[in-house]
Protein backbone atom coordinates (compact mmCIF):
# COMPACT_ATOMS: atom_id res chain seq x y z
CA MET A 1 49.23 -78.03 -23.04
CA LEU A 2 47.52 -75.08 -24.72
CA ILE A 3 44.09 -74.34 -25.12
CA THR A 4 42.57 -71.92 -27.73
CA ASP A 5 40.63 -69.22 -25.91
CA LEU A 6 37.64 -69.32 -28.15
CA GLY A 7 35.03 -68.15 -25.14
CA GLU A 8 34.81 -67.13 -21.87
CA HIS A 9 34.93 -70.19 -19.97
CA PRO A 10 37.71 -70.32 -17.56
CA HIS A 11 39.56 -73.47 -18.67
CA GLY A 12 40.26 -71.54 -21.84
CA PRO A 13 37.06 -72.31 -23.76
CA LEU A 14 35.09 -72.46 -20.64
CA THR A 15 32.29 -70.48 -19.41
CA GLN A 16 33.32 -67.53 -17.08
CA LEU A 17 31.24 -65.86 -14.63
CA ASP A 18 29.55 -62.77 -15.96
CA ARG A 19 29.94 -61.11 -12.73
CA VAL A 20 33.16 -60.01 -11.17
CA LEU A 21 33.56 -59.31 -7.29
CA LEU A 22 35.92 -56.66 -6.81
CA PRO A 23 38.09 -56.70 -3.77
CA ARG A 24 37.01 -54.29 -1.14
CA ARG A 25 40.57 -53.79 0.43
CA HIS A 26 42.77 -53.17 -2.89
CA ASP A 27 45.81 -52.58 -0.58
CA SER A 28 45.80 -56.23 0.65
CA ILE A 29 45.91 -57.91 -2.44
CA LEU A 30 49.04 -57.91 -4.71
CA HIS A 31 48.65 -56.95 -8.17
CA ARG A 32 51.34 -58.13 -10.27
CA ARG A 33 52.40 -57.55 -13.84
CA SER A 34 51.70 -60.33 -16.15
CA PRO A 35 53.11 -60.80 -19.89
CA GLY A 36 50.83 -58.77 -22.28
CA LEU A 37 49.09 -57.04 -19.34
CA THR A 38 49.38 -53.34 -18.70
CA GLU A 39 47.64 -53.06 -15.34
CA GLY A 40 49.91 -51.38 -12.83
CA ILE A 41 50.96 -52.83 -9.32
CA HIS A 42 48.95 -51.43 -6.46
CA VAL A 43 50.25 -52.71 -2.97
CA ARG A 44 50.60 -52.01 0.62
CA LYS A 45 54.28 -51.55 0.82
CA ARG A 46 55.10 -54.16 3.55
CA ARG A 47 53.45 -56.88 1.18
CA GLU A 48 54.93 -55.74 -1.87
CA CYS A 49 57.13 -58.97 -2.40
CA ARG A 50 55.68 -61.97 -0.36
CA ARG A 51 57.93 -65.01 -0.18
CA ALA A 52 56.37 -67.02 2.55
CA PRO A 53 56.14 -70.71 3.22
CA ILE A 54 52.79 -72.33 3.00
CA GLY A 55 50.90 -71.81 6.34
CA SER A 56 52.91 -68.82 7.60
CA ASP A 57 51.26 -65.97 9.23
CA THR A 58 51.85 -63.73 6.24
CA MET A 59 49.81 -66.00 4.00
CA GLU A 60 45.83 -64.74 3.76
CA SER A 61 43.92 -67.43 5.07
CA ALA A 62 41.58 -68.07 2.05
CA THR A 63 45.00 -68.68 0.31
CA ALA A 64 46.05 -70.88 3.09
CA VAL A 65 43.01 -72.99 2.72
CA VAL A 66 43.56 -73.24 -1.07
CA ALA A 67 47.29 -74.37 -0.28
CA ASP A 68 45.95 -77.08 2.03
CA LEU A 69 43.50 -78.53 -0.56
CA VAL A 70 46.34 -78.68 -3.16
CA GLY A 71 48.77 -80.11 -0.86
CA ALA A 72 46.30 -83.02 0.01
CA ILE A 73 45.83 -84.21 -3.33
CA THR A 74 47.46 -87.51 -4.66
CA PRO A 75 48.83 -87.03 -8.04
CA VAL A 76 47.72 -89.51 -10.85
CA ASP A 77 50.67 -88.91 -12.76
CA ASP A 78 54.09 -86.74 -13.23
CA LEU A 79 52.02 -84.16 -14.75
CA GLU A 80 49.71 -83.73 -11.84
CA GLN A 81 52.70 -83.82 -9.47
CA GLU A 82 54.19 -80.90 -11.73
CA HIS A 83 50.91 -78.94 -11.64
CA ILE A 84 50.58 -79.30 -7.74
CA GLU A 85 54.39 -78.32 -7.09
CA GLN A 86 53.84 -75.24 -9.61
CA THR A 87 50.63 -74.23 -7.81
CA LEU A 88 51.98 -74.20 -4.38
CA SER A 89 54.97 -72.24 -5.39
CA TRP A 90 52.41 -69.73 -6.61
CA LEU A 91 50.32 -69.84 -3.64
CA ALA A 92 53.54 -69.12 -1.56
CA ARG A 93 54.20 -65.93 -3.93
CA THR A 94 50.95 -64.39 -3.71
CA ASP A 95 47.27 -63.79 -2.22
CA ASP A 96 46.11 -62.45 -5.91
CA ILE A 97 44.71 -65.83 -6.98
CA TYR A 98 41.27 -64.99 -7.99
CA ARG A 99 40.06 -63.57 -11.24
CA ARG A 100 39.25 -59.74 -10.54
CA ILE A 101 38.83 -58.34 -13.95
CA PRO A 102 37.43 -60.43 -16.98
CA PRO A 103 38.93 -61.98 -19.02
CA ALA A 104 42.16 -62.94 -17.41
CA ILE A 105 43.46 -60.28 -14.72
CA PRO A 106 45.30 -61.83 -12.75
CA SER A 107 46.70 -64.59 -14.35
CA PRO A 108 46.88 -67.42 -13.10
CA HIS A 109 43.77 -67.60 -11.33
CA LEU A 110 41.40 -70.20 -9.72
CA VAL A 111 38.82 -72.21 -11.26
CA ALA A 112 36.45 -74.87 -9.92
CA TYR A 113 35.31 -77.57 -12.25
CA VAL A 114 32.33 -79.66 -10.85
CA VAL A 115 32.10 -83.07 -13.01
CA LEU A 116 28.85 -84.71 -12.84
CA VAL A 117 29.24 -88.67 -12.91
CA ASP A 118 27.21 -91.61 -12.37
CA PRO A 119 29.90 -94.12 -11.06
CA GLY A 120 27.53 -97.16 -11.06
CA GLU A 121 26.15 -96.79 -14.69
CA ARG A 122 29.92 -95.36 -15.90
CA GLY A 123 28.54 -91.85 -17.11
CA VAL A 124 29.80 -88.47 -17.18
CA TYR A 125 27.64 -85.56 -18.17
CA LEU A 126 29.11 -82.76 -20.31
CA GLY A 127 27.41 -79.50 -21.88
CA ARG A 128 27.60 -78.33 -25.47
CA HIS A 129 29.42 -74.98 -24.94
CA ARG A 130 28.03 -72.59 -27.28
CA LYS A 131 31.27 -70.43 -27.57
CA SER A 132 33.63 -72.93 -27.74
CA GLY A 133 32.04 -75.69 -29.27
CA LEU A 134 33.38 -78.26 -26.70
CA HIS A 135 31.48 -80.48 -24.54
CA LEU A 136 32.55 -79.52 -21.09
CA PRO A 137 31.68 -80.04 -17.26
CA MET A 138 30.23 -77.77 -15.28
CA GLY A 139 32.41 -75.00 -13.78
CA GLY A 140 33.34 -71.47 -13.40
CA HIS A 141 35.83 -68.96 -11.59
CA VAL A 142 36.20 -68.96 -7.83
CA GLU A 143 35.18 -65.56 -6.54
CA ILE A 144 37.47 -63.52 -4.26
CA GLY A 145 37.64 -65.24 -0.74
CA GLU A 146 35.32 -68.27 -1.77
CA HIS A 147 35.85 -71.53 -0.77
CA PRO A 148 36.56 -73.65 -3.84
CA LEU A 149 33.98 -76.16 -2.79
CA ALA A 150 31.41 -73.21 -2.43
CA ALA A 151 32.26 -72.27 -6.00
CA ALA A 152 31.78 -75.82 -7.27
CA ARG A 153 28.26 -75.77 -5.30
CA ARG A 154 27.25 -72.57 -6.71
CA GLU A 155 28.29 -73.47 -10.33
CA ALA A 156 26.17 -76.75 -10.20
CA VAL A 157 23.29 -74.69 -8.98
CA GLU A 158 23.86 -72.13 -11.70
CA GLU A 159 24.67 -74.16 -14.58
CA LEU A 160 22.81 -77.41 -14.05
CA GLY A 161 19.72 -75.95 -11.78
CA VAL A 162 20.35 -78.52 -9.10
CA GLU A 163 22.03 -78.94 -5.87
CA VAL A 164 24.38 -81.88 -6.01
CA PHE A 165 26.16 -84.24 -3.52
CA PHE A 166 30.06 -84.84 -3.32
CA ASP A 167 30.00 -88.10 -2.06
CA VAL A 168 31.73 -90.09 -4.99
CA VAL A 169 35.36 -89.34 -3.90
CA GLY A 170 34.45 -86.69 -0.97
CA GLU A 171 34.12 -83.13 -0.70
CA ARG A 172 37.86 -82.12 -1.58
CA PRO A 173 39.42 -81.67 -5.09
CA PHE A 174 39.91 -84.68 -6.63
CA LEU A 175 42.51 -83.49 -9.57
CA LEU A 176 44.38 -80.53 -10.24
CA THR A 177 45.25 -78.67 -13.70
CA VAL A 178 47.36 -75.85 -14.62
CA THR A 179 46.25 -74.89 -18.20
CA PRO A 180 47.66 -72.20 -20.55
CA THR A 181 45.20 -70.55 -22.91
CA VAL A 182 45.74 -68.44 -25.91
CA GLY A 183 43.32 -66.36 -27.86
CA PRO A 184 42.02 -62.87 -28.51
CA SER A 185 42.37 -61.78 -25.09
CA GLY A 186 46.19 -62.37 -24.97
CA GLY A 187 46.01 -65.85 -23.18
CA HIS A 188 46.09 -66.43 -19.46
CA VAL A 189 46.65 -69.53 -17.00
CA ASP A 190 43.66 -71.29 -15.46
CA THR A 191 44.54 -73.29 -12.08
CA SER A 192 41.86 -75.60 -11.72
CA LEU A 193 40.25 -77.61 -8.90
CA TRP A 194 38.28 -80.74 -10.24
CA TYR A 195 35.34 -81.60 -7.91
CA VAL A 196 33.55 -84.96 -8.36
CA ALA A 197 29.49 -84.85 -7.92
CA ARG A 198 27.33 -87.92 -8.12
CA GLY A 199 24.42 -87.96 -10.78
CA CYS A 200 21.99 -90.42 -12.40
CA ARG A 201 22.56 -91.32 -15.93
CA LEU A 202 18.79 -91.49 -16.42
CA ARG A 203 18.31 -87.86 -15.64
CA ASP A 204 18.69 -84.91 -17.99
CA PHE A 205 19.28 -81.36 -17.12
CA ASP A 206 17.95 -77.94 -18.63
CA LEU A 207 21.40 -76.06 -19.03
CA ASP A 208 21.59 -72.23 -19.00
CA PRO A 209 20.65 -71.78 -22.63
CA THR A 210 22.79 -68.83 -23.02
CA GLU A 211 26.12 -70.82 -22.18
CA PHE A 212 25.27 -74.23 -23.48
CA ASP A 213 23.45 -75.76 -26.42
CA GLY A 214 21.99 -78.60 -24.36
CA GLY A 215 24.05 -81.30 -22.83
CA ARG A 216 24.16 -85.25 -22.90
CA TRP A 217 25.64 -88.24 -20.77
CA TRP A 218 28.67 -89.80 -22.15
CA GLY A 219 30.31 -93.21 -21.25
CA LEU A 220 32.93 -92.74 -18.54
CA ASP A 221 35.90 -94.05 -21.10
CA PRO A 222 38.72 -91.76 -21.88
CA CYS A 223 38.84 -93.03 -25.40
CA GLY A 224 35.29 -92.42 -26.28
CA LEU A 225 35.01 -88.69 -25.37
CA PRO A 226 33.88 -85.87 -27.60
CA ASP A 227 35.72 -82.70 -28.05
CA THR A 228 36.32 -81.73 -24.69
CA ASP A 229 38.83 -80.35 -22.13
CA PRO A 230 42.48 -81.96 -22.84
CA HIS A 231 42.51 -83.19 -19.01
CA LEU A 232 39.22 -84.89 -18.97
CA PRO A 233 40.54 -88.14 -19.93
CA ARG A 234 43.44 -87.85 -17.25
CA PHE A 235 40.51 -87.17 -14.89
CA ILE A 236 38.82 -90.43 -16.02
CA ARG A 237 41.77 -92.51 -15.62
CA LYS A 238 42.36 -91.21 -12.09
CA LEU A 239 38.53 -91.79 -11.25
CA ASP A 240 38.72 -95.47 -12.66
CA SER A 241 42.04 -95.77 -10.19
CA PHE A 242 39.91 -94.67 -7.24
CA LEU A 243 36.75 -96.60 -8.20
CA GLN A 244 38.22 -99.93 -9.29
CA PRO A 245 41.63 -100.09 -7.48
CA ALA A 246 44.36 -102.61 -8.95
CA THR A 247 44.21 -105.87 -6.96
CA THR A 248 47.51 -107.59 -5.99
């Protein structure tokens, strides 16, 4: 599924981080060419074409952590199973998995979503993203070497202004999506780990006014959402399956 890249939010029309942490050891990261990109390849020769099984000694530890998180996700449907397999194959090929240069180098790159939900009152909190015009969860790019959960915590503080608790489904990512985007930047692919944070539907938030034109709670209903990320309805269906398991 394609998303038009209207703004600088990592999931196509999502909010990108304004700062980019450049790697200190350029010789340890594989800079590959991507379609439409002109960046050259700068690698240490012995790492030029890493083709390693997950968990091998040649995989960087930070990449191995991500591979472990992805491999532990239970897919909700065939699409998520496809995304998991695609992502594990990508992680086995390269350690260059974090966005280094905005808006899209390298592609794909990692994103962490933090979705604030009130499971008791069946609510999900979305912000009105200024550049895209979409109603989106909080989220951003995972910085180089950063644990995705740490990225989710950081994004919650930066965009919601509060610390959040990941005790609805646990502290591991709940959903994985791979989303191509198109736009003025030439397009890229976001590999996104979706985390679930607990919120209270009676509470509102003062979102960053440079990124969001306010926000509000919506019903936790995949059919009643405003214009949003195309995978959010799938996220809600998966969350419902977790919160209200089918009885036999």
